[in-house]
Amino acid sequence: YIYHLKQWYQRRVRGRGKNENESEKRELVFKEHGQEYAQVLKLLGNGRLEAQCFDGVKRLCHIRGKLRKKVWINQGDIILIGLRDYQDSKADVIQKYSPDEARNLKAYKELPETAKINDAQIDDDNDLDGIEFQDDIDGDSDEPEDDRIMLDDIDDI
């Protein structure tokens, strides 16, 4: 019994923290009849989201069970949804596209040119997210003289 428990724990720990889907390349899936591309506007919770479809309709979408807790969908992501025959304002999420796949869809003219692809790009220009620091080269400061604390005064405090 203890041997089986140890094996179960090792399998459980070994599989933790790995996302196998991230590394492998998958074939690009294009929309078919009854499907549409959309961009996520708002996450509503409980496996639902609001998406702006590229046919111009805003729809309430349900994330199907296969994607839940396996594929994390964020605001601005490009997704493929399945339209419902009986409810035009509701749809089901079929697939989430990575930023690379979304760029490929845009290159194949599947997505309109106006589609913004949400991609976390790393800027190398060191702009510190728009924060500007002012260099005090000449040693003058805007602070009044009595509000300044000198390094020599720190020992006295």
Protein backbone atom coordinates (compact mmCIF):
# COMPACT_ATOMS: atom_id res chain seq x y z
CA TYR A 1 0.00 0.00 0.00
CA ILE A 2 2.76 2.45 0.92
CA TYR A 3 4.59 1.60 -2.32
CA HIS A 4 1.52 2.54 -4.39
CA LEU A 5 1.05 5.73 -2.41
CA LYS A 6 4.68 6.68 -3.06
CA GLN A 7 4.29 5.99 -6.80
CA TRP A 8 1.12 8.08 -6.93
CA TYR A 9 2.85 10.98 -5.18
CA GLN A 10 5.87 10.83 -7.50
CA ARG A 11 3.62 10.89 -10.58
CA ARG A 12 1.72 13.81 -9.12
CA VAL A 13 4.82 15.83 -8.24
CA ARG A 14 6.60 15.02 -11.50
CA GLY A 15 3.74 16.39 -13.58
CA ARG A 16 3.37 19.59 -11.58
CA GLY A 17 4.46 22.88 -13.06
CA LYS A 18 4.90 21.70 -16.62
CA ASN A 19 2.89 23.08 -19.49
CA GLU A 20 3.39 20.69 -22.39
CA ASN A 21 1.18 22.72 -24.73
CA GLU A 22 3.51 25.72 -24.64
CA SER A 23 6.50 24.19 -26.40
CA GLU A 24 4.90 22.19 -29.18
CA LYS A 25 3.89 23.81 -32.48
CA ARG A 26 0.34 23.09 -33.57
CA GLU A 27 -1.35 23.42 -36.91
CA LEU A 28 -3.13 26.71 -37.52
CA VAL A 29 -6.91 26.19 -37.42
CA PHE A 30 -9.00 28.37 -39.74
CA LYS A 31 -12.67 29.15 -39.22
CA GLU A 32 -15.32 26.99 -40.85
CA HIS A 33 -19.05 27.49 -41.42
CA GLY A 34 -20.72 28.37 -38.14
CA GLN A 35 -17.50 29.70 -36.58
CA GLU A 36 -16.08 33.20 -36.21
CA TYR A 37 -12.93 34.92 -34.97
CA ALA A 38 -13.31 37.23 -31.98
CA GLN A 39 -11.32 39.30 -29.52
CA VAL A 40 -11.95 39.03 -25.78
CA LEU A 41 -13.37 42.24 -24.32
CA LYS A 42 -14.14 41.27 -20.74
CA LEU A 43 -13.88 38.17 -18.55
CA LEU A 44 -17.14 37.68 -16.68
CA GLY A 45 -16.23 34.72 -14.45
CA ASN A 46 -17.89 31.33 -14.19
CA GLY A 47 -16.37 30.27 -17.52
CA ARG A 48 -17.93 33.12 -19.48
CA LEU A 49 -16.56 36.11 -21.34
CA GLU A 50 -17.70 38.94 -23.57
CA ALA A 51 -16.11 39.00 -27.02
CA GLN A 52 -16.24 41.34 -30.00
CA CYS A 53 -16.54 39.20 -33.11
CA PHE A 54 -14.92 40.36 -36.32
CA ASP A 55 -18.31 40.20 -38.03
CA GLY A 56 -19.28 43.22 -35.90
CA VAL A 57 -21.43 41.51 -33.26
CA LYS A 58 -20.68 41.52 -29.52
CA ARG A 59 -21.38 38.08 -28.05
CA LEU A 60 -21.51 36.39 -24.66
CA CYS A 61 -19.23 33.35 -24.91
CA HIS A 62 -18.97 30.21 -22.82
CA ILE A 63 -15.55 28.57 -22.34
CA ARG A 64 -16.00 24.87 -22.93
CA GLY A 65 -14.79 22.34 -20.37
CA LYS A 66 -11.82 21.14 -22.44
CA LEU A 67 -10.27 24.64 -22.28
CA ARG A 68 -11.16 25.48 -18.68
CA LYS A 69 -8.18 25.50 -16.28
CA LYS A 70 -5.94 24.27 -19.11
CA VAL A 71 -5.90 27.27 -21.44
CA TRP A 72 -5.90 30.65 -19.72
CA ILE A 73 -7.79 33.26 -21.70
CA ASN A 74 -7.06 36.93 -21.05
CA GLN A 75 -8.54 40.22 -22.17
CA GLY A 76 -7.45 41.09 -25.72
CA ASP A 77 -6.78 37.50 -26.80
CA ILE A 78 -7.88 36.32 -30.24
CA ILE A 79 -10.21 33.31 -30.03
CA LEU A 80 -12.21 31.08 -32.35
CA ILE A 81 -15.85 30.74 -31.36
CA GLY A 82 -18.62 28.45 -32.47
CA LEU A 83 -21.86 30.25 -33.25
CA ARG A 84 -25.15 28.88 -31.99
CA ASP A 85 -27.95 28.32 -34.48
CA TYR A 86 -30.66 29.17 -31.98
CA GLN A 87 -28.97 32.11 -30.12
CA ASP A 88 -27.11 34.70 -32.17
CA SER A 89 -25.97 36.70 -29.13
CA LYS A 90 -24.26 33.68 -27.50
CA ALA A 91 -21.36 31.48 -28.63
CA ASP A 92 -18.88 28.87 -27.40
CA VAL A 93 -15.09 29.29 -27.27
CA ILE A 94 -13.44 26.61 -29.39
CA GLN A 95 -9.81 27.69 -29.37
CA LYS A 96 -7.46 30.42 -28.16
CA TYR A 97 -4.79 31.64 -30.57
CA SER A 98 -1.30 32.54 -29.38
CA PRO A 99 0.04 35.96 -30.50
CA ASP A 100 2.17 34.24 -33.17
CA GLU A 101 -0.84 32.34 -34.51
CA ALA A 102 -2.91 35.56 -34.50
CA ARG A 103 -0.19 37.32 -36.52
CA ASN A 104 -0.26 34.42 -39.00
CA LEU A 105 -4.05 34.72 -39.29
CA LYS A 106 -3.61 38.43 -39.99
CA ALA A 107 -0.98 37.63 -42.65
CA TYR A 108 -3.37 35.15 -44.30
CA LYS A 109 -6.03 37.93 -44.33
CA GLU A 110 -8.30 35.90 -42.04
CA LEU A 111 -8.34 38.75 -39.49
CA PRO A 112 -8.93 42.38 -40.51
CA GLU A 113 -5.95 44.75 -40.55
CA THR A 114 -7.57 46.77 -37.74
CA ALA A 115 -7.34 43.81 -35.33
CA LYS A 116 -5.02 44.55 -32.41
CA ILE A 117 -3.01 41.56 -31.30
CA ASN A 118 -2.40 41.63 -27.55
CA ASP A 119 1.26 40.70 -27.17
CA ALA A 120 3.50 41.33 -24.18
CA GLN A 121 6.55 42.65 -25.95
CA ILE A 122 9.72 43.40 -24.05
CA ASP A 123 11.03 46.88 -24.77
CA ASP A 124 14.80 47.23 -24.83
CA ASP A 125 14.81 51.03 -24.70
CA ASN A 126 14.72 51.06 -20.86
CA ASP A 127 11.90 53.59 -20.65
CA LEU A 128 10.89 52.34 -17.17
CA ASP A 129 7.19 52.24 -18.11
CA GLY A 130 6.93 55.97 -18.71
CA ILE A 131 8.58 57.07 -15.44
CA GLU A 132 11.03 59.89 -15.90
CA PHE A 133 13.83 60.61 -13.47
CA GLN A 134 15.33 64.04 -13.40
CA ASP A 135 19.11 64.15 -13.10
CA ASP A 136 20.46 66.67 -10.62
CA ILE A 137 23.87 67.18 -12.16
CA ASP A 138 24.82 70.54 -10.66
CA GLY A 139 23.92 69.55 -7.09
CA ASP A 140 21.13 72.12 -6.75
CA SER A 141 17.80 70.88 -5.49
CA ASP A 142 14.27 72.24 -5.47
CA GLU A 143 13.87 71.27 -1.79
CA PRO A 144 14.35 73.94 0.89
CA GLU A 145 17.71 73.71 2.67
CA ASP A 146 16.20 72.95 6.10
CA ASP A 147 14.19 69.91 4.78
CA ARG A 148 17.32 68.16 3.51
CA ILE A 149 18.92 65.44 5.57
CA MET A 150 22.66 65.15 5.15
CA LEU A 151 24.43 61.83 5.50
CA ASP A 152 26.41 63.18 8.45
CA ASP A 153 23.17 63.93 10.30
CA ILE A 154 21.87 60.34 10.07
CA ASP A 155 24.09 59.16 12.93
CA ASP A 156 22.55 61.78 15.22
CA ILE A 157 18.99 60.54 14.67
